[in-house]
Amino acid sequence: MNATTPTDIPGAIEGRLTELEIKASYAEDLLDTLNQLVASQQEQIDLLLREVSRLRQRGEPDAAPAERNLRDELPPHY
């Protein structure tokens, strides 16, 4: 067991405080980075949603679906 003298206690507290400040700084930096990433991903999602909407509008809503041949859908081992 480490014996600390009363004069060592302020130094130990200062050291712990410094470590906590460093950890808080890293956590704050990580949070900023993650916020930027989320904002960037949201911009991509919005762009993709607009693109899908535009593609749906370009499609022909009254067009009949293409006829399917069930033989084309057989698994390859048949």
C-alpha atoms as a PDB file:
ATOM      1  CA  MET A   1       0.000   0.000   0.000  1.00  0.00           C
ATOM      2  CA  ASN A   2       1.312   3.410  -0.924  1.00  0.00           C
ATOM      3  CA  ALA A   3       1.703   5.762   1.937  1.00  0.00           C
ATOM      4  CA  THR A   4       1.039   9.326   0.918  1.00  0.00           C
ATOM      5  CA  THR A   5       2.014  12.204   3.017  1.00  0.00           C
ATOM      6  CA  PRO A   6      -0.256  15.214   3.324  1.00  0.00           C
ATOM      7  CA  THR A   7       2.040  17.146   0.988  1.00  0.00           C
ATOM      8  CA  ASP A   8       1.604  14.520  -1.771  1.00  0.00           C
ATOM      9  CA  ILE A   9      -2.200  14.738  -1.772  1.00  0.00           C
ATOM     10  CA  PRO A  10      -2.476  18.046  -3.688  1.00  0.00           C
ATOM     11  CA  GLY A  11      -0.038  16.711  -6.296  1.00  0.00           C
ATOM     12  CA  ALA A  12      -2.036  13.500  -6.665  1.00  0.00           C
ATOM     13  CA  ILE A  13      -5.270  15.435  -7.008  1.00  0.00           C
ATOM     14  CA  GLU A  14      -3.694  17.752  -9.563  1.00  0.00           C
ATOM     15  CA  GLY A  15      -2.469  14.749 -11.553  1.00  0.00           C
ATOM     16  CA  ARG A  16      -5.904  13.145 -11.537  1.00  0.00           C
ATOM     17  CA  LEU A  17      -7.491  16.446 -12.515  1.00  0.00           C
ATOM     18  CA  THR A  18      -5.078  16.801 -15.428  1.00  0.00           C
ATOM     19  CA  GLU A  19      -5.911  13.262 -16.616  1.00  0.00           C
ATOM     20  CA  LEU A  20      -9.622  14.021 -16.422  1.00  0.00           C
ATOM     21  CA  GLU A  21      -9.158  17.237 -18.400  1.00  0.00           C
ATOM     22  CA  ILE A  22      -7.254  15.336 -21.076  1.00  0.00           C
ATOM     23  CA  LYS A  23      -9.982  12.684 -21.270  1.00  0.00           C
ATOM     24  CA  ALA A  24     -12.678  15.373 -21.455  1.00  0.00           C
ATOM     25  CA  SER A  25     -10.784  17.082 -24.258  1.00  0.00           C
ATOM     26  CA  TYR A  26     -10.569  13.841 -26.268  1.00  0.00           C
ATOM     27  CA  ALA A  27     -14.252  13.136 -25.630  1.00  0.00           C
ATOM     28  CA  GLU A  28     -15.208  16.627 -26.808  1.00  0.00           C
ATOM     29  CA  ASP A  29     -13.118  16.218 -29.971  1.00  0.00           C
ATOM     30  CA  LEU A  30     -14.708  12.835 -30.661  1.00  0.00           C
ATOM     31  CA  LEU A  31     -18.176  14.295 -30.159  1.00  0.00           C
ATOM     32  CA  ASP A  32     -17.435  17.100 -32.632  1.00  0.00           C
ATOM     33  CA  THR A  33     -16.131  14.588 -35.172  1.00  0.00           C
ATOM     34  CA  LEU A  34     -19.191  12.367 -34.778  1.00  0.00           C
ATOM     35  CA  ASN A  35     -21.526  15.359 -35.113  1.00  0.00           C
ATOM     36  CA  GLN A  36     -19.848  16.307 -38.379  1.00  0.00           C
ATOM     37  CA  LEU A  37     -20.134  12.738 -39.613  1.00  0.00           C
ATOM     38  CA  VAL A  38     -23.835  12.558 -38.751  1.00  0.00           C
ATOM     39  CA  ALA A  39     -24.482  15.881 -40.503  1.00  0.00           C
ATOM     40  CA  SER A  40     -22.619  14.657 -43.590  1.00  0.00           C
ATOM     41  CA  GLN A  41     -24.566  11.382 -43.642  1.00  0.00           C
ATOM     42  CA  GLN A  42     -27.852  13.276 -43.281  1.00  0.00           C
ATOM     43  CA  GLU A  43     -26.938  15.385 -46.317  1.00  0.00           C
ATOM     44  CA  GLN A  44     -26.258  12.181 -48.270  1.00  0.00           C
ATOM     45  CA  ILE A  45     -29.574  10.681 -47.161  1.00  0.00           C
ATOM     46  CA  ASP A  46     -31.448  13.824 -48.206  1.00  0.00           C
ATOM     47  CA  LEU A  47     -29.709  13.797 -51.582  1.00  0.00           C
ATOM     48  CA  LEU A  48     -30.543  10.124 -52.126  1.00  0.00           C
ATOM     49  CA  LEU A  49     -34.178  10.654 -51.136  1.00  0.00           C
ATOM     50  CA  ARG A  50     -34.474  13.487 -53.672  1.00  0.00           C
ATOM     51  CA  GLU A  51     -32.873  11.285 -56.321  1.00  0.00           C
ATOM     52  CA  VAL A  52     -35.260   8.389 -55.618  1.00  0.00           C
ATOM     53  CA  SER A  53     -38.215  10.773 -55.732  1.00  0.00           C
ATOM     54  CA  ARG A  54     -37.041  12.173 -59.059  1.00  0.00           C
ATOM     55  CA  LEU A  55     -36.560   8.675 -60.483  1.00  0.00           C
ATOM     56  CA  ARG A  56     -40.056   7.660 -59.378  1.00  0.00           C
ATOM     57  CA  GLN A  57     -41.516  10.710 -61.085  1.00  0.00           C
ATOM     58  CA  ARG A  58     -39.673   9.850 -64.312  1.00  0.00           C
ATOM     59  CA  GLY A  59     -41.083   6.325 -64.336  1.00  0.00           C
ATOM     60  CA  GLU A  60     -44.304   5.499 -66.109  1.00  0.00           C
ATOM     61  CA  PRO A  61     -46.910   4.881 -63.411  1.00  0.00           C
ATOM     62  CA  ASP A  62     -49.469   3.396 -65.860  1.00  0.00           C
ATOM     63  CA  ALA A  63     -47.041   0.970 -67.474  1.00  0.00           C
ATOM     64  CA  ALA A  64     -47.856  -2.679 -66.915  1.00  0.00           C
ATOM     65  CA  PRO A  65     -45.165  -4.758 -65.248  1.00  0.00           C
ATOM     66  CA  ALA A  66     -43.091  -6.842 -67.640  1.00  0.00           C
ATOM     67  CA  GLU A  67     -44.262 -10.408 -68.090  1.00  0.00           C
ATOM     68  CA  ARG A  68     -42.176 -12.949 -66.245  1.00  0.00           C
ATOM     69  CA  ASN A  69     -41.182 -16.338 -67.464  1.00  0.00           C
ATOM     70  CA  LEU A  70     -41.079 -18.723 -64.515  1.00  0.00           C
ATOM     71  CA  ARG A  71     -38.437 -20.867 -66.267  1.00  0.00           C
ATOM     72  CA  ASP A  72     -36.042 -17.906 -66.035  1.00  0.00           C
ATOM     73  CA  GLU A  73     -36.498 -17.927 -62.252  1.00  0.00           C
ATOM     74  CA  LEU A  74     -35.591 -21.573 -61.694  1.00  0.00           C
ATOM     75  CA  PRO A  75     -32.556 -22.157 -59.536  1.00  0.00           C
ATOM     76  CA  PRO A  76     -29.408 -23.091 -61.486  1.00  0.00           C
ATOM     77  CA  HIS A  77     -29.435 -26.724 -60.359  1.00  0.00           C
ATOM     78  CA  TYR A  78     -32.599 -27.525 -62.387  1.00  0.00           C
END
